[in-house]
PDB file of N, CA and C in Angstrom:
ATOM      1  N   MET A   1      58.842-172.991  87.650  1.00  0.00           N
ATOM      2  CA  MET A   1      58.315-171.783  88.137  1.00  0.00           C
ATOM      3  C   MET A   1      59.088-171.738  89.593  1.00  0.00           C
ATOM      4  N   THR A   2      59.504-170.371  89.975  1.00  0.00           N
ATOM      5  CA  THR A   2      60.330-170.280  91.123  1.00  0.00           C
ATOM      6  C   THR A   2      59.338-169.904  92.160  1.00  0.00           C
ATOM      7  N   GLU A   3      59.614-170.010  93.409  1.00  0.00           N
ATOM      8  CA  GLU A   3      59.206-169.576  94.604  1.00  0.00           C
ATOM      9  C   GLU A   3      58.261-168.405  94.485  1.00  0.00           C
ATOM     10  N   ASN A   4      58.950-167.370  94.030  1.00  0.00           N
ATOM     11  CA  ASN A   4      58.168-166.106  94.035  1.00  0.00           C
ATOM     12  C   ASN A   4      57.098-166.015  92.926  1.00  0.00           C
ATOM     13  N   GLU A   5      57.394-166.876  91.864  1.00  0.00           N
ATOM     14  CA  GLU A   5      56.148-166.919  90.854  1.00  0.00           C
ATOM     15  C   GLU A   5      54.817-167.634  91.488  1.00  0.00           C
ATOM     16  N   LYS A   6      55.324-168.667  92.426  1.00  0.00           N
ATOM     17  CA  LYS A   6      54.042-169.403  92.772  1.00  0.00           C
ATOM     18  C   LYS A   6      53.325-168.579  93.676  1.00  0.00           C
ATOM     19  N   GLU A   7      54.263-167.717  94.449  1.00  0.00           N
ATOM     20  CA  GLU A   7      53.294-166.892  95.614  1.00  0.00           C
ATOM     21  C   GLU A   7      52.645-165.851  94.875  1.00  0.00           C
ATOM     22  N   GLN A   8      53.247-165.379  93.635  1.00  0.00           N
ATOM     23  CA  GLN A   8      52.436-164.320  93.151  1.00  0.00           C
ATOM     24  C   GLN A   8      51.145-164.895  92.317  1.00  0.00           C
ATOM     25  N   SER A   9      51.262-166.188  91.984  1.00  0.00           N
ATOM     26  CA  SER A   9      50.182-166.603  91.111  1.00  0.00           C
ATOM     27  C   SER A   9      49.009-167.228  92.100  1.00  0.00           C
ATOM     28  N   SER A  10      49.494-167.469  93.204  1.00  0.00           N
ATOM     29  CA  SER A  10      48.289-167.710  94.393  1.00  0.00           C
ATOM     30  C   SER A  10      47.942-166.700  94.866  1.00  0.00           C
ATOM     31  N   GLU A  11      48.671-165.590  94.923  1.00  0.00           N
ATOM     32  CA  GLU A  11      48.026-164.142  95.515  1.00  0.00           C
ATOM     33  C   GLU A  11      46.927-163.761  94.519  1.00  0.00           C
ATOM     34  N   LYS A  12      47.238-163.805  93.083  1.00  0.00           N
ATOM     35  CA  LYS A  12      46.503-163.546  92.194  1.00  0.00           C
ATOM     36  C   LYS A  12      45.112-164.140  92.154  1.00  0.00           C
ATOM     37  N   GLN A  13      45.331-165.379  92.410  1.00  0.00           N
ATOM     38  CA  GLN A  13      44.097-166.271  92.446  1.00  0.00           C
ATOM     39  C   GLN A  13      43.111-166.024  93.602  1.00  0.00           C
ATOM     40  N   THR A  14      43.839-165.499  94.560  1.00  0.00           N
ATOM     41  CA  THR A  14      43.133-165.431  95.738  1.00  0.00           C
ATOM     42  C   THR A  14      42.309-163.997  95.531  1.00  0.00           C
ATOM     43  N   LYS A  15      42.852-162.952  95.052  1.00  0.00           N
ATOM     44  CA  LYS A  15      42.386-161.798  94.635  1.00  0.00           C
ATOM     45  C   LYS A  15      41.062-162.052  93.847  1.00  0.00           C
ATOM     46  N   GLU A  16      41.281-162.648  92.853  1.00  0.00           N
ATOM     47  CA  GLU A  16      40.424-162.926  91.706  1.00  0.00           C
ATOM     48  C   GLU A  16      38.997-163.655  92.505  1.00  0.00           C
ATOM     49  N   GLU A  17      39.205-164.741  93.352  1.00  0.00           N
ATOM     50  CA  GLU A  17      38.455-165.367  94.114  1.00  0.00           C
ATOM     51  C   GLU A  17      37.387-164.478  94.820  1.00  0.00           C
ATOM     52  N   ARG A  18      38.030-163.335  95.445  1.00  0.00           N
ATOM     53  CA  ARG A  18      37.417-162.369  96.274  1.00  0.00           C
ATOM     54  C   ARG A  18      36.402-161.550  95.569  1.00  0.00           C
ATOM     55  N   ASP A  19      36.941-161.251  94.064  1.00  0.00           N
ATOM     56  CA  ASP A  19      36.116-160.180  93.164  1.00  0.00           C
ATOM     57  C   ASP A  19      34.962-160.893  92.777  1.00  0.00           C
ATOM     58  N   THR A  20      34.856-162.452  92.525  1.00  0.00           N
ATOM     59  CA  THR A  20      33.773-163.032  92.086  1.00  0.00           C
ATOM     60  C   THR A  20      32.973-163.844  93.258  1.00  0.00           C
ATOM     61  N   PRO A  21      32.050-163.442  93.760  1.00  0.00           N
ATOM     62  CA  PRO A  21      31.207-164.047  94.748  1.00  0.00           C
ATOM     63  C   PRO A  21      30.946-165.540  94.508  1.00  0.00           C
ATOM     64  N   ARG A  22      31.182-166.631  95.332  1.00  0.00           N
ATOM     65  CA  ARG A  22      30.829-167.743  94.897  1.00  0.00           C
ATOM     66  C   ARG A  22      29.785-168.414  95.713  1.00  0.00           C
ATOM     67  N   LYS A  23      28.699-169.181  95.293  1.00  0.00           N
ATOM     68  CA  LYS A  23      27.617-169.802  96.051  1.00  0.00           C
ATOM     69  C   LYS A  23      28.502-170.504  97.119  1.00  0.00           C
ATOM     70  N   PRO A  24      28.075-170.721  98.520  1.00  0.00           N
ATOM     71  CA  PRO A  24      28.642-171.960  99.371  1.00  0.00           C
ATOM     72  C   PRO A  24      27.997-173.019  99.057  1.00  0.00           C
ATOM     73  N   ASP A  25      28.973-174.139  99.135  1.00  0.00           N
ATOM     74  CA  ASP A  25      28.779-175.585  98.883  1.00  0.00           C
ATOM     75  C   ASP A  25      27.759-176.049  99.896  1.00  0.00           C
ATOM     76  N   GLY A  26      27.777-175.546 101.131  1.00  0.00           N
ATOM     77  CA  GLY A  26      26.667-175.850 101.963  1.00  0.00           C
ATOM     78  C   GLY A  26      26.462-174.995 103.114  1.00  0.00           C
ATOM     79  N   ILE A  27      25.313-174.828 103.856  1.00  0.00           N
ATOM     80  CA  ILE A  27      25.148-174.181 104.990  1.00  0.00           C
ATOM     81  C   ILE A  27      24.457-174.874 106.033  1.00  0.00           C
ATOM     82  N   LEU A  28      25.215-174.596 107.257  1.00  0.00           N
ATOM     83  CA  LEU A  28      24.865-175.214 108.402  1.00  0.00           C
ATOM     84  C   LEU A  28      24.165-174.079 109.562  1.00  0.00           C
ATOM     85  N   THR A  29      23.236-174.704 110.184  1.00  0.00           N
ATOM     86  CA  THR A  29      22.513-173.531 111.103  1.00  0.00           C
ATOM     87  C   THR A  29      22.368-174.447 112.240  1.00  0.00           C
ATOM     88  N   LYS A  30      22.922-173.694 113.451  1.00  0.00           N
ATOM     89  CA  LYS A  30      22.782-174.384 114.741  1.00  0.00           C
ATOM     90  C   LYS A  30      22.333-173.160 115.507  1.00  0.00           C
ATOM     91  N   LYS A  31      21.538-173.534 116.463  1.00  0.00           N
ATOM     92  CA  LYS A  31      21.001-172.674 117.624  1.00  0.00           C
ATOM     93  C   LYS A  31      21.361-173.274 119.063  1.00  0.00           C
ATOM     94  N   ILE A  32      22.212-172.259 119.661  1.00  0.00           N
ATOM     95  CA  ILE A  32      22.844-172.697 120.833  1.00  0.00           C
ATOM     96  C   ILE A  32      22.307-171.422 121.931  1.00  0.00           C
ATOM     97  N   ASN A  33      21.726-171.784 123.214  1.00  0.00           N
ATOM     98  CA  ASN A  33      21.547-170.962 124.111  1.00  0.00           C
ATOM     99  C   ASN A  33      21.056-169.613 123.359  1.00  0.00           C
ATOM    100  N   GLY A  34      19.733-169.674 122.593  1.00  0.00           N
ATOM    101  CA  GLY A  34      19.063-168.812 121.761  1.00  0.00           C
ATOM    102  C   GLY A  34      19.672-167.798 120.940  1.00  0.00           C
ATOM    103  N   LYS A  35      20.925-168.106 120.402  1.00  0.00           N
ATOM    104  CA  LYS A  35      21.559-167.659 119.457  1.00  0.00           C
ATOM    105  C   LYS A  35      21.732-168.448 118.259  1.00  0.00           C
ATOM    106  N   THR A  36      21.402-168.027 116.937  1.00  0.00           N
ATOM    107  CA  THR A  36      21.355-168.721 115.836  1.00  0.00           C
ATOM    108  C   THR A  36      23.036-168.589 114.895  1.00  0.00           C
ATOM    109  N   PHE A  37      23.624-169.647 114.715  1.00  0.00           N
ATOM    110  CA  PHE A  37      24.902-169.495 114.211  1.00  0.00           C
ATOM    111  C   PHE A  37      24.582-169.995 112.797  1.00  0.00           C
ATOM    112  N   VAL A  38      24.961-169.324 111.595  1.00  0.00           N
ATOM    113  CA  VAL A  38      24.820-169.879 110.298  1.00  0.00           C
ATOM    114  C   VAL A  38      26.257-169.761 109.738  1.00  0.00           C
ATOM    115  N   THR A  39      26.492-170.936 109.258  1.00  0.00           N
ATOM    116  CA  THR A  39      27.906-171.358 108.962  1.00  0.00           C
ATOM    117  C   THR A  39      27.869-171.734 107.343  1.00  0.00           C
ATOM    118  N   GLU A  40      28.671-171.091 106.524  1.00  0.00           N
ATOM    119  CA  GLU A  40      28.727-171.273 105.115  1.00  0.00           C
ATOM    120  C   GLU A  40      29.961-172.263 104.779  1.00  0.00           C
ATOM    121  N   ILE A  41      29.724-173.038 104.121  1.00  0.00           N
ATOM    122  CA  ILE A  41      30.936-174.206 103.794  1.00  0.00           C
ATOM    123  C   ILE A  41      31.389-173.967 102.383  1.00  0.00           C
ATOM    124  N   TYR A  42      32.737-173.967 102.072  1.00  0.00           N
ATOM    125  CA  TYR A  42      33.237-173.857 100.740  1.00  0.00           C
ATOM    126  C   TYR A  42      34.195-175.051 100.672  1.00  0.00           C
ATOM    127  N   PHE A  43      34.130-175.676  99.682  1.00  0.00           N
ATOM    128  CA  PHE A  43      35.041-176.696  99.443  1.00  0.00           C
ATOM    129  C   PHE A  43      36.003-176.432  98.441  1.00  0.00           C
ATOM    130  N   ASN A  44      37.533-176.948  98.578  1.00  0.00           N
ATOM    131  CA  ASN A  44      38.517-176.722  97.332  1.00  0.00           C
ATOM    132  C   ASN A  44      37.962-177.491  96.470  1.00  0.00           C
ATOM    133  N   LYS A  45      37.670-176.903  95.025  1.00  0.00           N
ATOM    134  CA  LYS A  45      37.500-177.967  94.111  1.00  0.00           C
ATOM    135  C   LYS A  45      38.430-178.962  93.538  1.00  0.00           C
ATOM    136  N   ASN A  46      39.768-178.242  93.956  1.00  0.00           N
ATOM    137  CA  ASN A  46      41.149-178.991  93.421  1.00  0.00           C
ATOM    138  C   ASN A  46      41.416-180.221  94.501  1.00  0.00           C
ATOM    139  N   SER A  47      40.824-180.139  95.603  1.00  0.00           N
ATOM    140  CA  SER A  47      41.444-181.334  96.541  1.00  0.00           C
ATOM    141  C   SER A  47      41.099-182.465  96.164  1.00  0.00           C
ATOM    142  N   LYS A  48      41.870-183.428  96.492  1.00  0.00           N
ATOM    143  CA  LYS A  48      41.782-184.976  96.182  1.00  0.00           C
ATOM    144  C   LYS A  48      41.093-185.561  97.565  1.00  0.00           C
ATOM    145  N   ASP A  49      40.875-184.827  98.457  1.00  0.00           N
ATOM    146  CA  ASP A  49      40.209-185.471  99.844  1.00  0.00           C
ATOM    147  C   ASP A  49      38.508-185.273  99.494  1.00  0.00           C
ATOM    148  N   THR A  50      37.621-186.287 100.117  1.00  0.00           N
ATOM    149  CA  THR A  50      36.296-186.010  99.633  1.00  0.00           C
ATOM    150  C   THR A  50      35.912-185.745 100.967  1.00  0.00           C
ATOM    151  N   PHE A  51      34.589-185.093 100.947  1.00  0.00           N
ATOM    152  CA  PHE A  51      34.026-184.765 102.230  1.00  0.00           C
ATOM    153  C   PHE A  51      33.886-185.823 103.528  1.00  0.00           C
ATOM    154  N   GLN A  52      33.764-187.020 102.816  1.00  0.00           N
ATOM    155  CA  GLN A  52      33.735-188.157 103.886  1.00  0.00           C
ATOM    156  C   GLN A  52      35.443-188.250 104.469  1.00  0.00           C
ATOM    157  N   ASP A  53      36.335-187.990 103.882  1.00  0.00           N
ATOM    158  CA  ASP A  53      37.524-188.042 104.123  1.00  0.00           C
ATOM    159  C   ASP A  53      37.676-186.937 105.400  1.00  0.00           C
ATOM    160  N   LYS A  54      37.309-185.651 105.035  1.00  0.00           N
ATOM    161  CA  LYS A  54      37.530-184.612 105.825  1.00  0.00           C
ATOM    162  C   LYS A  54      36.662-184.555 107.196  1.00  0.00           C
ATOM    163  N   LEU A  55      35.363-185.296 107.044  1.00  0.00           N
ATOM    164  CA  LEU A  55      34.590-185.378 108.161  1.00  0.00           C
ATOM    165  C   LEU A  55      35.025-186.322 109.177  1.00  0.00           C
ATOM    166  N   LEU A  56      35.662-187.472 108.433  1.00  0.00           N
ATOM    167  CA  LEU A  56      36.345-188.467 109.264  1.00  0.00           C
ATOM    168  C   LEU A  56      37.580-187.731 110.221  1.00  0.00           C
ATOM    169  N   LYS A  57      38.218-187.270 109.367  1.00  0.00           N
ATOM    170  CA  LYS A  57      39.461-186.440 110.125  1.00  0.00           C
ATOM    171  C   LYS A  57      39.008-185.481 111.328  1.00  0.00           C
ATOM    172  N   VAL A  58      37.548-184.825 111.119  1.00  0.00           N
ATOM    173  CA  VAL A  58      37.322-183.935 112.082  1.00  0.00           C
ATOM    174  C   VAL A  58      36.809-184.638 113.386  1.00  0.00           C
ATOM    175  N   VAL A  59      35.991-185.721 112.982  1.00  0.00           N
ATOM    176  CA  VAL A  59      35.612-186.768 114.211  1.00  0.00           C
ATOM    177  C   VAL A  59      36.431-187.253 115.091  1.00  0.00           C
ATOM    178  N   GLN A  60      37.702-187.757 114.298  1.00  0.00           N
ATOM    179  CA  GLN A  60      38.760-188.396 115.045  1.00  0.00           C
ATOM    180  C   GLN A  60      39.508-187.343 115.828  1.00  0.00           C
ATOM    181  N   SER A  61      39.666-186.129 115.472  1.00  0.00           N
ATOM    182  CA  SER A  61      40.393-184.992 116.246  1.00  0.00           C
ATOM    183  C   SER A  61      39.568-184.676 117.507  1.00  0.00           C
ATOM    184  N   GLU A  62      38.278-184.845 117.200  1.00  0.00           N
ATOM    185  CA  GLU A  62      37.505-184.490 118.155  1.00  0.00           C
ATOM    186  C   GLU A  62      37.479-185.558 119.549  1.00  0.00           C
ATOM    187  N   GLN A  63      37.738-186.691 119.177  1.00  0.00           N
ATOM    188  CA  GLN A  63      37.734-187.800 120.109  1.00  0.00           C
ATOM    189  C   GLN A  63      38.971-187.760 120.984  1.00  0.00           C
ATOM    190  N   LYS A  64      40.084-186.999 120.321  1.00  0.00           N
ATOM    191  CA  LYS A  64      41.227-187.097 121.110  1.00  0.00           C
ATOM    192  C   LYS A  64      41.219-186.405 122.322  1.00  0.00           C
TER     193      LYS A  64
END
């Protein structure tokens, strides 16, 4: 598969994903200074990292 074909297939996949709405894998709600923030979380099903791996990376980056 050439680079151009890879780009086209990823573009096509992205368009298909936009066409079919997907339920979020998680929802976070946080109230700050009287404002409520609702965050929908989507995970890449093809990823080899676990949620715990990703959370650990976030915590470590916040500590720096």
